C-alpha atoms as a PDB file:
ATOM      1  CA  MET A   1       3.379 -35.263   3.498  1.00  0.00           C
ATOM      2  CA  SER A   2       1.270 -32.332   2.313  1.00  0.00           C
ATOM      3  CA  ASP A   3       1.953 -30.530  -0.976  1.00  0.00           C
ATOM      4  CA  GLN A   4       0.696 -27.283   0.594  1.00  0.00           C
ATOM      5  CA  THR A   5       3.150 -24.696   1.854  1.00  0.00           C
ATOM      6  CA  ASP A   6       2.471 -22.047   4.463  1.00  0.00           C
ATOM      7  CA  SER A   7       1.506 -18.719   2.955  1.00  0.00           C
ATOM      8  CA  ILE A   8       3.641 -15.716   3.826  1.00  0.00           C
ATOM      9  CA  ILE A   9       0.488 -13.588   3.916  1.00  0.00           C
ATOM     10  CA  PRO A  10      -2.101 -14.897   6.377  1.00  0.00           C
ATOM     11  CA  ASN A  11      -5.662 -15.492   5.200  1.00  0.00           C
ATOM     12  CA  GLY A  12      -7.881 -12.447   5.466  1.00  0.00           C
ATOM     13  CA  LYS A  13      -5.050  -9.888   5.530  1.00  0.00           C
ATOM     14  CA  VAL A  14      -5.537  -6.575   3.735  1.00  0.00           C
ATOM     15  CA  CYS A  15      -2.638  -6.131   1.317  1.00  0.00           C
ATOM     16  CA  TYR A  16      -3.825  -3.551  -1.277  1.00  0.00           C
ATOM     17  CA  LEU A  17      -5.824  -0.330  -0.874  1.00  0.00           C
ATOM     18  CA  GLN A  18      -7.238   2.242  -3.268  1.00  0.00           C
ATOM     19  CA  ILE A  19      -7.869   5.473  -1.391  1.00  0.00           C
ATOM     20  CA  PRO A  20     -10.118   8.185  -2.888  1.00  0.00           C
ATOM     21  CA  SER A  21      -8.738  11.715  -2.729  1.00  0.00           C
ATOM     22  CA  ASP A  22      -9.455  15.125  -4.232  1.00  0.00           C
ATOM     23  CA  THR A  23      -5.812  16.155  -3.725  1.00  0.00           C
ATOM     24  CA  ILE A  24      -3.498  13.173  -4.085  1.00  0.00           C
ATOM     25  CA  ALA A  25      -0.322  15.128  -3.265  1.00  0.00           C
ATOM     26  CA  ALA A  26      -1.791  16.385   0.033  1.00  0.00           C
ATOM     27  CA  SER A  27      -3.084  12.907   0.916  1.00  0.00           C
ATOM     28  CA  ALA A  28       0.276  11.311   0.133  1.00  0.00           C
ATOM     29  CA  SER A  29       2.049  13.879   2.292  1.00  0.00           C
ATOM     30  CA  PHE A  30      -0.363  13.282   5.174  1.00  0.00           C
ATOM     31  CA  TYR A  31      -0.009   9.487   5.125  1.00  0.00           C
ATOM     32  CA  ARG A  32       3.778   9.732   4.806  1.00  0.00           C
ATOM     33  CA  LYS A  33       4.000  12.044   7.832  1.00  0.00           C
ATOM     34  CA  VAL A  34       1.455  10.245  10.033  1.00  0.00           C
ATOM     35  CA  PHE A  35       2.081   6.582   9.156  1.00  0.00           C
ATOM     36  CA  GLY A  36       5.581   6.677   7.657  1.00  0.00           C
ATOM     37  CA  TRP A  37       4.441   5.224   4.332  1.00  0.00           C
ATOM     38  CA  ASN A  38       6.932   5.130   1.467  1.00  0.00           C
ATOM     39  CA  ILE A  39       5.457   7.246  -1.357  1.00  0.00           C
ATOM     40  CA  ARG A  40       6.482   6.504  -4.935  1.00  0.00           C
ATOM     41  CA  THR A  41       5.510   7.385  -8.487  1.00  0.00           C
ATOM     42  CA  ARG A  42       4.670   4.450 -10.753  1.00  0.00           C
ATOM     43  CA  SER A  43       5.834   4.243 -14.351  1.00  0.00           C
ATOM     44  CA  ASP A  44       2.354   5.358 -15.481  1.00  0.00           C
ATOM     45  CA  GLY A  45       2.667   8.520 -13.339  1.00  0.00           C
ATOM     46  CA  SER A  46       0.227   7.493 -10.616  1.00  0.00           C
ATOM     47  CA  VAL A  47       1.219   7.998  -6.981  1.00  0.00           C
ATOM     48  CA  ALA A  48       1.424   4.844  -4.876  1.00  0.00           C
ATOM     49  CA  PHE A  49       2.442   3.884  -1.362  1.00  0.00           C
ATOM     50  CA  ASP A  50       4.040   1.010   0.510  1.00  0.00           C
ATOM     51  CA  ASP A  51       3.531   0.341   4.204  1.00  0.00           C
ATOM     52  CA  VAL A  52       6.457  -2.054   4.474  1.00  0.00           C
ATOM     53  CA  PRO A  53       6.091  -3.212   8.107  1.00  0.00           C
ATOM     54  CA  TYR A  54       2.510  -4.374   7.471  1.00  0.00           C
ATOM     55  CA  GLY A  55       2.914  -5.505   3.850  1.00  0.00           C
ATOM     56  CA  VAL A  56       0.272  -3.130   2.498  1.00  0.00           C
ATOM     57  CA  THR A  57       0.551  -1.304  -0.805  1.00  0.00           C
ATOM     58  CA  GLY A  58      -1.858   0.788  -2.834  1.00  0.00           C
ATOM     59  CA  THR A  59      -2.664   4.029  -4.591  1.00  0.00           C
ATOM     60  CA  TRP A  60      -4.926   7.056  -4.514  1.00  0.00           C
ATOM     61  CA  TYR A  61      -7.536   7.835  -7.120  1.00  0.00           C
END
């Protein structure tokens, strides 16, 4: 019997993005409206997103 377990996230899947933006608020609003991303503010004040159906998270910089 193998000690390996199946990964929940398949190999090669994108799971974190850093998106450049001159206006983070406008970018966050756009992605929320177009893709339905959950927008949140982290404890350090940075704006982040979660694309729950596809398991992708990230931030703008």
